[in-house]
N, C-alpha and C. Protein backbone atom coordinates (compact mmCIF):
# COMPACT_ATOMS: atom_id res chain seq x y z
N MET A 1 11.96 25.39 17.28
CA MET A 1 10.67 24.84 16.94
C MET A 1 10.87 23.69 15.94
N PRO A 2 10.25 22.51 16.19
CA PRO A 2 10.46 21.37 15.28
C PRO A 2 9.79 21.63 13.94
N PRO A 3 10.28 20.96 12.88
CA PRO A 3 9.67 21.16 11.56
C PRO A 3 8.25 20.63 11.52
N ILE A 4 7.43 21.25 10.69
CA ILE A 4 6.03 20.86 10.56
C ILE A 4 5.93 19.75 9.53
N ARG A 5 5.30 18.65 9.91
CA ARG A 5 5.12 17.52 9.00
C ARG A 5 3.71 17.54 8.46
N SER A 6 3.49 16.81 7.40
CA SER A 6 2.17 16.72 6.80
C SER A 6 1.17 16.20 7.83
N GLY A 7 0.05 16.87 7.94
CA GLY A 7 -0.98 16.45 8.88
C GLY A 7 -0.89 17.16 10.22
N GLN A 8 0.21 17.86 10.51
CA GLN A 8 0.31 18.60 11.76
C GLN A 8 -0.24 20.00 11.55
N TYR A 9 -0.61 20.61 12.63
CA TYR A 9 -1.21 21.93 12.56
C TYR A 9 -0.28 22.97 13.15
N ILE A 10 -0.23 24.12 12.49
CA ILE A 10 0.61 25.22 12.96
C ILE A 10 -0.01 25.86 14.19
N ASN A 11 -1.29 26.13 14.11
CA ASN A 11 -1.95 26.87 15.17
C ASN A 11 -3.12 26.04 15.69
N ASP A 12 -2.94 25.38 16.82
CA ASP A 12 -3.99 24.53 17.37
C ASP A 12 -5.20 25.33 17.83
N GLN A 13 -5.01 26.61 18.11
CA GLN A 13 -6.11 27.44 18.57
C GLN A 13 -7.20 27.54 17.50
N TYR A 14 -6.79 27.70 16.24
CA TYR A 14 -7.76 27.83 15.16
C TYR A 14 -7.95 26.52 14.39
N ASP A 15 -7.07 25.54 14.64
CA ASP A 15 -7.19 24.21 14.06
C ASP A 15 -7.21 24.26 12.54
N THR A 16 -6.36 25.10 11.95
CA THR A 16 -6.28 25.17 10.49
C THR A 16 -4.98 24.54 10.04
N PRO A 17 -5.02 23.72 9.00
CA PRO A 17 -3.79 23.06 8.55
C PRO A 17 -2.85 24.03 7.86
N SER A 18 -1.60 23.71 7.92
CA SER A 18 -0.60 24.51 7.23
C SER A 18 -0.71 24.27 5.73
N ARG A 19 -1.02 25.29 4.98
CA ARG A 19 -1.18 25.11 3.54
C ARG A 19 0.15 24.74 2.90
N ALA A 20 1.23 25.33 3.38
CA ALA A 20 2.52 25.08 2.75
C ALA A 20 2.97 23.64 2.95
N SER A 21 2.81 23.12 4.16
CA SER A 21 3.33 21.77 4.43
C SER A 21 2.32 20.70 4.08
N ASN A 22 1.03 20.99 4.20
CA ASN A 22 0.01 19.96 4.05
C ASN A 22 -0.38 19.75 2.59
N ILE A 23 -0.63 20.80 1.87
CA ILE A 23 -1.18 20.68 0.53
C ILE A 23 -0.10 20.40 -0.50
N ALA A 24 1.08 20.94 -0.31
CA ALA A 24 2.14 20.76 -1.30
C ALA A 24 2.56 19.30 -1.42
N GLN A 25 2.39 18.52 -0.35
CA GLN A 25 2.84 17.13 -0.36
C GLN A 25 1.74 16.17 -0.81
N ARG A 26 0.54 16.63 -1.04
CA ARG A 26 -0.56 15.75 -1.38
C ARG A 26 -0.83 15.75 -2.87
N SER A 27 -1.27 14.60 -3.37
CA SER A 27 -1.65 14.52 -4.76
C SER A 27 -3.04 15.14 -4.92
N PRO A 28 -3.47 15.46 -6.13
CA PRO A 28 -4.75 16.13 -6.31
C PRO A 28 -5.95 15.33 -5.79
N ARG A 29 -5.90 14.01 -5.84
CA ARG A 29 -7.03 13.20 -5.40
C ARG A 29 -6.69 12.41 -4.14
N TYR A 30 -6.10 13.09 -3.15
CA TYR A 30 -5.70 12.39 -1.94
C TYR A 30 -6.91 12.02 -1.10
N GLN A 31 -6.73 11.05 -0.22
CA GLN A 31 -7.79 10.59 0.65
C GLN A 31 -7.64 11.25 2.01
N LEU A 32 -8.74 11.72 2.56
CA LEU A 32 -8.69 12.33 3.88
C LEU A 32 -8.41 11.27 4.93
N ALA A 33 -7.66 11.64 5.93
CA ALA A 33 -7.38 10.72 7.04
C ALA A 33 -8.63 10.57 7.90
N PRO A 34 -8.76 9.45 8.62
CA PRO A 34 -9.96 9.24 9.45
C PRO A 34 -10.21 10.37 10.45
N TYR A 35 -9.14 10.93 11.04
CA TYR A 35 -9.36 12.00 12.01
C TYR A 35 -9.89 13.26 11.32
N GLU A 36 -9.46 13.51 10.07
CA GLU A 36 -9.98 14.67 9.33
C GLU A 36 -11.45 14.48 8.99
N ARG A 37 -11.81 13.27 8.58
CA ARG A 37 -13.22 12.98 8.28
C ARG A 37 -14.07 13.13 9.53
N ALA A 38 -13.57 12.65 10.67
CA ALA A 38 -14.32 12.74 11.93
C ALA A 38 -14.55 14.20 12.32
N LYS A 39 -13.56 15.06 12.11
CA LYS A 39 -13.73 16.48 12.43
C LYS A 39 -14.83 17.11 11.58
N LEU A 40 -14.83 16.79 10.28
CA LEU A 40 -15.84 17.37 9.40
C LEU A 40 -17.24 16.88 9.75
N VAL A 41 -17.37 15.60 10.06
CA VAL A 41 -18.67 15.04 10.45
C VAL A 41 -19.14 15.68 11.76
N GLU A 42 -18.23 15.88 12.67
CA GLU A 42 -18.58 16.49 13.95
C GLU A 42 -19.08 17.92 13.76
N LEU A 43 -18.41 18.68 12.90
CA LEU A 43 -18.85 20.06 12.64
C LEU A 43 -20.24 20.08 12.03
N LYS A 44 -20.52 19.16 11.12
CA LYS A 44 -21.85 19.10 10.51
C LYS A 44 -22.89 18.69 11.55
N ALA A 45 -22.52 17.79 12.46
CA ALA A 45 -23.45 17.32 13.50
C ALA A 45 -23.83 18.43 14.47
N ILE A 46 -22.94 19.38 14.70
CA ILE A 46 -23.28 20.46 15.63
C ILE A 46 -23.97 21.63 14.93
N GLY A 47 -24.25 21.45 13.63
CA GLY A 47 -25.06 22.44 12.94
C GLY A 47 -24.35 23.34 11.96
N TRP A 48 -23.12 23.12 11.68
CA TRP A 48 -22.41 23.95 10.70
C TRP A 48 -22.91 23.64 9.30
N SER A 49 -22.92 24.64 8.46
CA SER A 49 -23.30 24.42 7.06
C SER A 49 -22.06 23.96 6.28
N TYR A 50 -22.31 23.40 5.10
CA TYR A 50 -21.20 22.97 4.25
C TYR A 50 -20.29 24.15 3.90
N LYS A 51 -20.93 25.30 3.67
CA LYS A 51 -20.17 26.49 3.29
C LYS A 51 -19.23 26.93 4.42
N ASN A 52 -19.72 26.89 5.67
CA ASN A 52 -18.88 27.28 6.81
C ASN A 52 -17.74 26.28 7.02
N ILE A 53 -18.04 25.00 6.83
CA ILE A 53 -16.99 23.99 6.97
C ILE A 53 -15.92 24.22 5.90
N HIS A 54 -16.37 24.53 4.68
CA HIS A 54 -15.42 24.77 3.59
C HIS A 54 -14.59 26.03 3.86
N LYS A 55 -15.17 27.04 4.48
CA LYS A 55 -14.40 28.24 4.82
C LYS A 55 -13.30 27.89 5.81
N ARG A 56 -13.61 27.03 6.76
CA ARG A 56 -12.62 26.66 7.78
C ARG A 56 -11.53 25.75 7.20
N TYR A 57 -11.95 24.85 6.34
CA TYR A 57 -11.01 23.93 5.69
C TYR A 57 -11.03 24.20 4.20
N SER A 58 -10.47 25.31 3.79
CA SER A 58 -10.55 25.75 2.40
C SER A 58 -9.75 24.87 1.44
N HIS A 59 -8.83 24.07 1.96
CA HIS A 59 -8.04 23.19 1.09
C HIS A 59 -8.82 21.95 0.67
N ILE A 60 -10.00 21.72 1.27
CA ILE A 60 -10.84 20.58 0.90
C ILE A 60 -11.99 21.10 0.06
N PRO A 61 -12.18 20.59 -1.17
CA PRO A 61 -13.29 21.06 -2.01
C PRO A 61 -14.64 20.81 -1.35
N ILE A 62 -15.58 21.71 -1.60
CA ILE A 62 -16.90 21.60 -0.96
C ILE A 62 -17.62 20.32 -1.39
N GLY A 63 -17.41 19.89 -2.63
CA GLY A 63 -18.02 18.64 -3.09
C GLY A 63 -17.50 17.44 -2.32
N THR A 64 -16.23 17.46 -2.00
CA THR A 64 -15.64 16.38 -1.20
C THR A 64 -16.24 16.37 0.19
N ILE A 65 -16.43 17.55 0.76
CA ILE A 65 -17.02 17.64 2.10
C ILE A 65 -18.43 17.06 2.09
N LYS A 66 -19.24 17.43 1.10
CA LYS A 66 -20.62 16.93 1.02
C LYS A 66 -20.66 15.42 0.85
N THR A 67 -19.85 14.91 -0.07
CA THR A 67 -19.84 13.47 -0.32
C THR A 67 -19.36 12.70 0.91
N MET A 68 -18.30 13.20 1.53
CA MET A 68 -17.74 12.52 2.68
C MET A 68 -18.72 12.48 3.85
N ILE A 69 -19.44 13.57 4.07
CA ILE A 69 -20.40 13.60 5.18
C ILE A 69 -21.60 12.71 4.87
N SER A 70 -22.04 12.67 3.60
CA SER A 70 -23.18 11.82 3.26
C SER A 70 -22.83 10.33 3.38
N ARG A 71 -21.57 9.99 3.21
CA ARG A 71 -21.15 8.59 3.32
C ARG A 71 -20.62 8.24 4.71
N SER A 72 -20.73 9.15 5.65
CA SER A 72 -20.13 8.93 6.97
C SER A 72 -20.81 7.80 7.73
N ARG A 73 -22.10 7.53 7.46
CA ARG A 73 -22.78 6.44 8.17
C ARG A 73 -22.20 5.09 7.79
N GLN A 74 -21.76 4.95 6.54
CA GLN A 74 -21.18 3.68 6.10
C GLN A 74 -19.85 3.40 6.80
N ARG A 75 -19.13 4.45 7.11
CA ARG A 75 -17.79 4.31 7.69
C ARG A 75 -17.81 3.98 9.17
N GLY A 76 -18.89 4.26 9.86
CA GLY A 76 -18.96 4.01 11.29
C GLY A 76 -18.44 5.19 12.09
N PRO A 77 -18.49 5.07 13.42
CA PRO A 77 -18.11 6.22 14.27
C PRO A 77 -16.63 6.58 14.18
N ALA A 78 -15.76 5.63 13.86
CA ALA A 78 -14.33 5.92 13.79
C ALA A 78 -13.93 6.46 12.42
N GLN A 79 -14.87 6.53 11.47
CA GLN A 79 -14.61 7.02 10.11
C GLN A 79 -13.46 6.26 9.46
N GLU A 80 -13.49 4.94 9.59
CA GLU A 80 -12.43 4.10 9.02
C GLU A 80 -12.55 4.04 7.51
N THR A 81 -11.45 3.79 6.86
CA THR A 81 -11.42 3.67 5.41
C THR A 81 -12.09 2.37 5.00
N LEU A 82 -13.01 2.45 4.03
CA LEU A 82 -13.72 1.26 3.57
C LEU A 82 -12.85 0.47 2.60
N PRO A 83 -13.06 -0.84 2.50
CA PRO A 83 -12.30 -1.61 1.53
C PRO A 83 -12.66 -1.20 0.11
N ARG A 84 -11.69 -1.28 -0.77
CA ARG A 84 -11.90 -0.87 -2.16
C ARG A 84 -12.60 -1.96 -2.95
N SER A 85 -13.29 -1.54 -3.98
CA SER A 85 -13.94 -2.50 -4.85
C SER A 85 -12.90 -3.10 -5.79
N GLY A 86 -13.26 -4.17 -6.43
CA GLY A 86 -12.35 -4.80 -7.37
C GLY A 86 -12.05 -6.24 -7.00
N ARG A 87 -11.37 -6.89 -7.88
CA ARG A 87 -11.05 -8.29 -7.68
C ARG A 87 -10.06 -8.45 -6.53
N PRO A 88 -10.28 -9.43 -5.66
CA PRO A 88 -9.32 -9.66 -4.58
C PRO A 88 -8.02 -10.24 -5.12
N LYS A 89 -6.98 -10.15 -4.33
CA LYS A 89 -5.68 -10.67 -4.73
C LYS A 89 -5.75 -12.19 -4.88
N ALA A 90 -5.01 -12.71 -5.85
CA ALA A 90 -5.01 -14.15 -6.10
C ALA A 90 -4.27 -14.91 -4.99
N LEU A 91 -3.27 -14.29 -4.41
CA LEU A 91 -2.49 -14.91 -3.33
C LEU A 91 -2.77 -14.18 -2.03
N ASN A 92 -3.10 -14.95 -0.98
CA ASN A 92 -3.31 -14.30 0.32
C ASN A 92 -1.95 -14.14 1.02
N ASP A 93 -1.95 -13.49 2.17
CA ASP A 93 -0.70 -13.18 2.87
C ASP A 93 0.06 -14.45 3.27
N GLU A 94 -0.66 -15.47 3.68
CA GLU A 94 -0.03 -16.72 4.09
C GLU A 94 0.72 -17.38 2.92
N GLU A 95 0.09 -17.38 1.75
CA GLU A 95 0.71 -17.97 0.57
C GLU A 95 1.92 -17.15 0.11
N ARG A 96 1.81 -15.85 0.20
CA ARG A 96 2.95 -15.00 -0.17
C ARG A 96 4.15 -15.26 0.73
N THR A 97 3.88 -15.37 2.03
CA THR A 97 4.95 -15.65 2.98
C THR A 97 5.57 -17.00 2.69
N MET A 98 4.73 -18.00 2.37
CA MET A 98 5.23 -19.34 2.06
C MET A 98 6.14 -19.29 0.82
N LEU A 99 5.71 -18.56 -0.22
CA LEU A 99 6.52 -18.45 -1.43
C LEU A 99 7.88 -17.80 -1.14
N LEU A 100 7.86 -16.74 -0.35
CA LEU A 100 9.12 -16.07 -0.02
C LEU A 100 10.04 -16.98 0.77
N ASP A 101 9.47 -17.78 1.68
CA ASP A 101 10.28 -18.73 2.44
C ASP A 101 10.88 -19.79 1.52
N LEU A 102 10.07 -20.26 0.55
CA LEU A 102 10.55 -21.29 -0.37
C LEU A 102 11.71 -20.79 -1.23
N ILE A 103 11.60 -19.58 -1.76
CA ILE A 103 12.69 -19.09 -2.61
C ILE A 103 13.90 -18.65 -1.79
N ARG A 104 13.68 -18.32 -0.52
CA ARG A 104 14.82 -18.01 0.33
C ARG A 104 15.60 -19.29 0.65
N ASP A 105 14.87 -20.38 0.92
CA ASP A 105 15.52 -21.65 1.23
C ASP A 105 16.19 -22.27 0.00
N ASP A 106 15.51 -22.18 -1.15
CA ASP A 106 16.05 -22.77 -2.37
C ASP A 106 15.88 -21.77 -3.52
N PRO A 107 16.88 -20.92 -3.77
CA PRO A 107 16.73 -19.90 -4.81
C PRO A 107 16.62 -20.48 -6.21
N TYR A 108 16.98 -21.76 -6.40
CA TYR A 108 16.94 -22.37 -7.73
C TYR A 108 15.68 -23.20 -7.96
N ILE A 109 14.69 -23.05 -7.11
CA ILE A 109 13.45 -23.82 -7.25
C ILE A 109 12.74 -23.43 -8.54
N LYS A 110 12.14 -24.38 -9.19
CA LYS A 110 11.48 -24.16 -10.47
C LYS A 110 10.06 -23.61 -10.26
N TYR A 111 9.57 -22.89 -11.26
CA TYR A 111 8.22 -22.36 -11.19
C TYR A 111 7.20 -23.48 -11.04
N ASN A 112 7.40 -24.59 -11.72
CA ASN A 112 6.45 -25.70 -11.63
C ASN A 112 6.38 -26.26 -10.21
N ASP A 113 7.52 -26.28 -9.51
CA ASP A 113 7.52 -26.74 -8.12
C ASP A 113 6.76 -25.76 -7.22
N LEU A 114 6.95 -24.47 -7.48
CA LEU A 114 6.21 -23.46 -6.71
C LEU A 114 4.71 -23.59 -6.96
N LEU A 115 4.35 -23.80 -8.22
CA LEU A 115 2.93 -23.95 -8.55
C LEU A 115 2.32 -25.18 -7.90
N SER A 116 3.09 -26.28 -7.86
CA SER A 116 2.56 -27.49 -7.22
C SER A 116 2.38 -27.29 -5.72
N ARG A 117 3.24 -26.48 -5.09
CA ARG A 117 3.08 -26.18 -3.66
C ARG A 117 1.81 -25.37 -3.40
N LEU A 118 1.37 -24.61 -4.43
CA LEU A 118 0.14 -23.83 -4.32
C LEU A 118 -1.06 -24.58 -4.89
N ASN A 119 -0.87 -25.85 -5.26
CA ASN A 119 -1.93 -26.65 -5.88
C ASN A 119 -2.45 -26.02 -7.16
N HIS A 120 -1.57 -25.38 -7.90
CA HIS A 120 -1.91 -24.73 -9.18
C HIS A 120 -3.09 -23.77 -9.04
N LYS A 121 -3.12 -23.07 -7.91
CA LYS A 121 -4.18 -22.09 -7.64
C LYS A 121 -4.06 -20.87 -8.55
N VAL A 122 -2.83 -20.52 -8.89
CA VAL A 122 -2.58 -19.34 -9.74
C VAL A 122 -1.78 -19.77 -10.96
N SER A 123 -1.66 -18.87 -11.91
CA SER A 123 -0.88 -19.18 -13.11
C SER A 123 0.59 -18.82 -12.88
N ARG A 124 1.40 -19.28 -13.82
CA ARG A 124 2.83 -18.98 -13.77
C ARG A 124 3.06 -17.47 -13.91
N GLN A 125 2.24 -16.82 -14.74
CA GLN A 125 2.34 -15.37 -14.94
C GLN A 125 2.08 -14.61 -13.64
N THR A 126 1.14 -15.11 -12.82
CA THR A 126 0.85 -14.47 -11.54
C THR A 126 2.06 -14.56 -10.62
N LEU A 127 2.70 -15.72 -10.60
CA LEU A 127 3.92 -15.86 -9.78
C LEU A 127 5.00 -14.91 -10.27
N TRP A 128 5.17 -14.85 -11.58
CA TRP A 128 6.19 -13.98 -12.16
C TRP A 128 5.93 -12.53 -11.77
N THR A 129 4.67 -12.09 -11.86
CA THR A 129 4.29 -10.73 -11.51
C THR A 129 4.56 -10.47 -10.03
N PHE A 130 4.22 -11.45 -9.19
CA PHE A 130 4.43 -11.31 -7.74
C PHE A 130 5.91 -11.12 -7.44
N PHE A 131 6.76 -11.95 -8.04
CA PHE A 131 8.20 -11.84 -7.77
C PHE A 131 8.80 -10.57 -8.37
N CYS A 132 8.31 -10.15 -9.53
CA CYS A 132 8.81 -8.90 -10.12
C CYS A 132 8.46 -7.71 -9.25
N GLY A 133 7.27 -7.75 -8.64
CA GLY A 133 6.87 -6.67 -7.75
C GLY A 133 7.78 -6.55 -6.54
N LEU A 134 8.39 -7.65 -6.14
CA LEU A 134 9.31 -7.66 -5.00
C LEU A 134 10.76 -7.53 -5.44
N ASN A 135 10.97 -7.37 -6.76
CA ASN A 135 12.30 -7.30 -7.36
C ASN A 135 13.10 -8.58 -7.09
N LYS A 136 12.39 -9.70 -7.10
CA LYS A 136 13.02 -11.01 -6.95
C LYS A 136 12.65 -11.80 -8.19
N ARG A 137 13.55 -11.79 -9.15
CA ARG A 137 13.26 -12.45 -10.41
C ARG A 137 14.00 -13.78 -10.48
N LYS A 138 13.39 -14.71 -11.19
CA LYS A 138 13.99 -16.02 -11.39
C LYS A 138 14.73 -16.00 -12.72
N TRP A 139 16.02 -16.20 -12.69
CA TRP A 139 16.82 -16.21 -13.89
C TRP A 139 17.21 -17.65 -14.21
N LEU A 140 17.41 -17.92 -15.48
CA LEU A 140 17.89 -19.24 -15.86
C LEU A 140 19.34 -19.38 -15.42
N VAL A 141 19.63 -20.51 -14.79
CA VAL A 141 20.98 -20.77 -14.32
C VAL A 141 21.78 -21.31 -15.50
N LEU A 142 22.98 -20.83 -15.63
CA LEU A 142 23.84 -21.26 -16.72
C LEU A 142 24.18 -22.74 -16.54
N GLN A 143 24.03 -23.52 -17.59
CA GLN A 143 24.34 -24.95 -17.52
C GLN A 143 25.86 -25.12 -17.66
N ARG A 144 26.51 -25.52 -16.60
CA ARG A 144 27.96 -25.71 -16.62
C ARG A 144 28.26 -27.19 -16.39
N PRO A 145 29.32 -27.67 -17.02
CA PRO A 145 29.68 -29.07 -16.77
C PRO A 145 30.15 -29.24 -15.33
N GLU A 146 29.92 -30.43 -14.79
CA GLU A 146 30.32 -30.71 -13.42
C GLU A 146 31.84 -30.72 -13.32
N LEU A 147 32.36 -30.15 -12.27
CA LEU A 147 33.81 -30.06 -12.08
C LEU A 147 34.25 -31.23 -11.19
N TYR A 148 34.92 -32.20 -11.77
CA TYR A 148 35.38 -33.36 -11.02
C TYR A 148 36.67 -33.01 -10.29
N GLU A 149 36.98 -33.82 -9.29
CA GLU A 149 38.17 -33.56 -8.48
C GLU A 149 39.44 -33.61 -9.33
N GLU A 150 39.49 -34.53 -10.26
CA GLU A 150 40.65 -34.67 -11.12
C GLU A 150 40.89 -33.41 -11.95
N TYR A 151 39.81 -32.88 -12.52
CA TYR A 151 39.93 -31.65 -13.30
C TYR A 151 40.30 -30.46 -12.42
N ALA A 152 39.77 -30.44 -11.20
CA ALA A 152 40.08 -29.35 -10.29
C ALA A 152 41.58 -29.35 -9.95
N ARG A 153 42.15 -30.54 -9.76
CA ARG A 153 43.59 -30.62 -9.46
C ARG A 153 44.42 -30.13 -10.65
N LYS A 154 44.01 -30.53 -11.86
CA LYS A 154 44.73 -30.09 -13.05
C LYS A 154 44.66 -28.58 -13.20
N ARG A 155 43.49 -28.01 -12.93
CA ARG A 155 43.33 -26.55 -13.03
C ARG A 155 44.21 -25.85 -12.02
N ARG A 156 44.27 -26.40 -10.83
CA ARG A 156 45.05 -25.77 -9.76
C ARG A 156 46.53 -25.80 -10.10
N ALA A 157 46.95 -26.89 -10.69
CA ALA A 157 48.37 -27.04 -11.05
C ALA A 157 48.67 -26.08 -12.18
């Protein structure tokens, strides 16, 4: 028998989640998957009470069930996850890809050059944060004197 992963059910006949595999891997304030929300909304639509739904899915708090069902109209028939509130990202996906291409092509490019490519849309700190999040940091290059051919020959000798 294959191992049970999070979200899979042990017994499809009763449609109850495995407490050992499902709950142990979730954080206390986890988000229900769209298919789980759809099941709960469907049970309420056919006339089940909140208490009966909670008995069947005892790992979901009854308050969560009530709130989720009351907000089900906002989510639509597929019970998709709604976008979160808050400030949007300063850099869109296209700009992020462009920045990654620029530093891949020229790893020694200066922050000011990157900012000018973005038309100074964001601050230098935003760029720094973006690169730190990707573990791609810009370090100062050591200033070394230029090695002329004559000096190279002397060193080799």
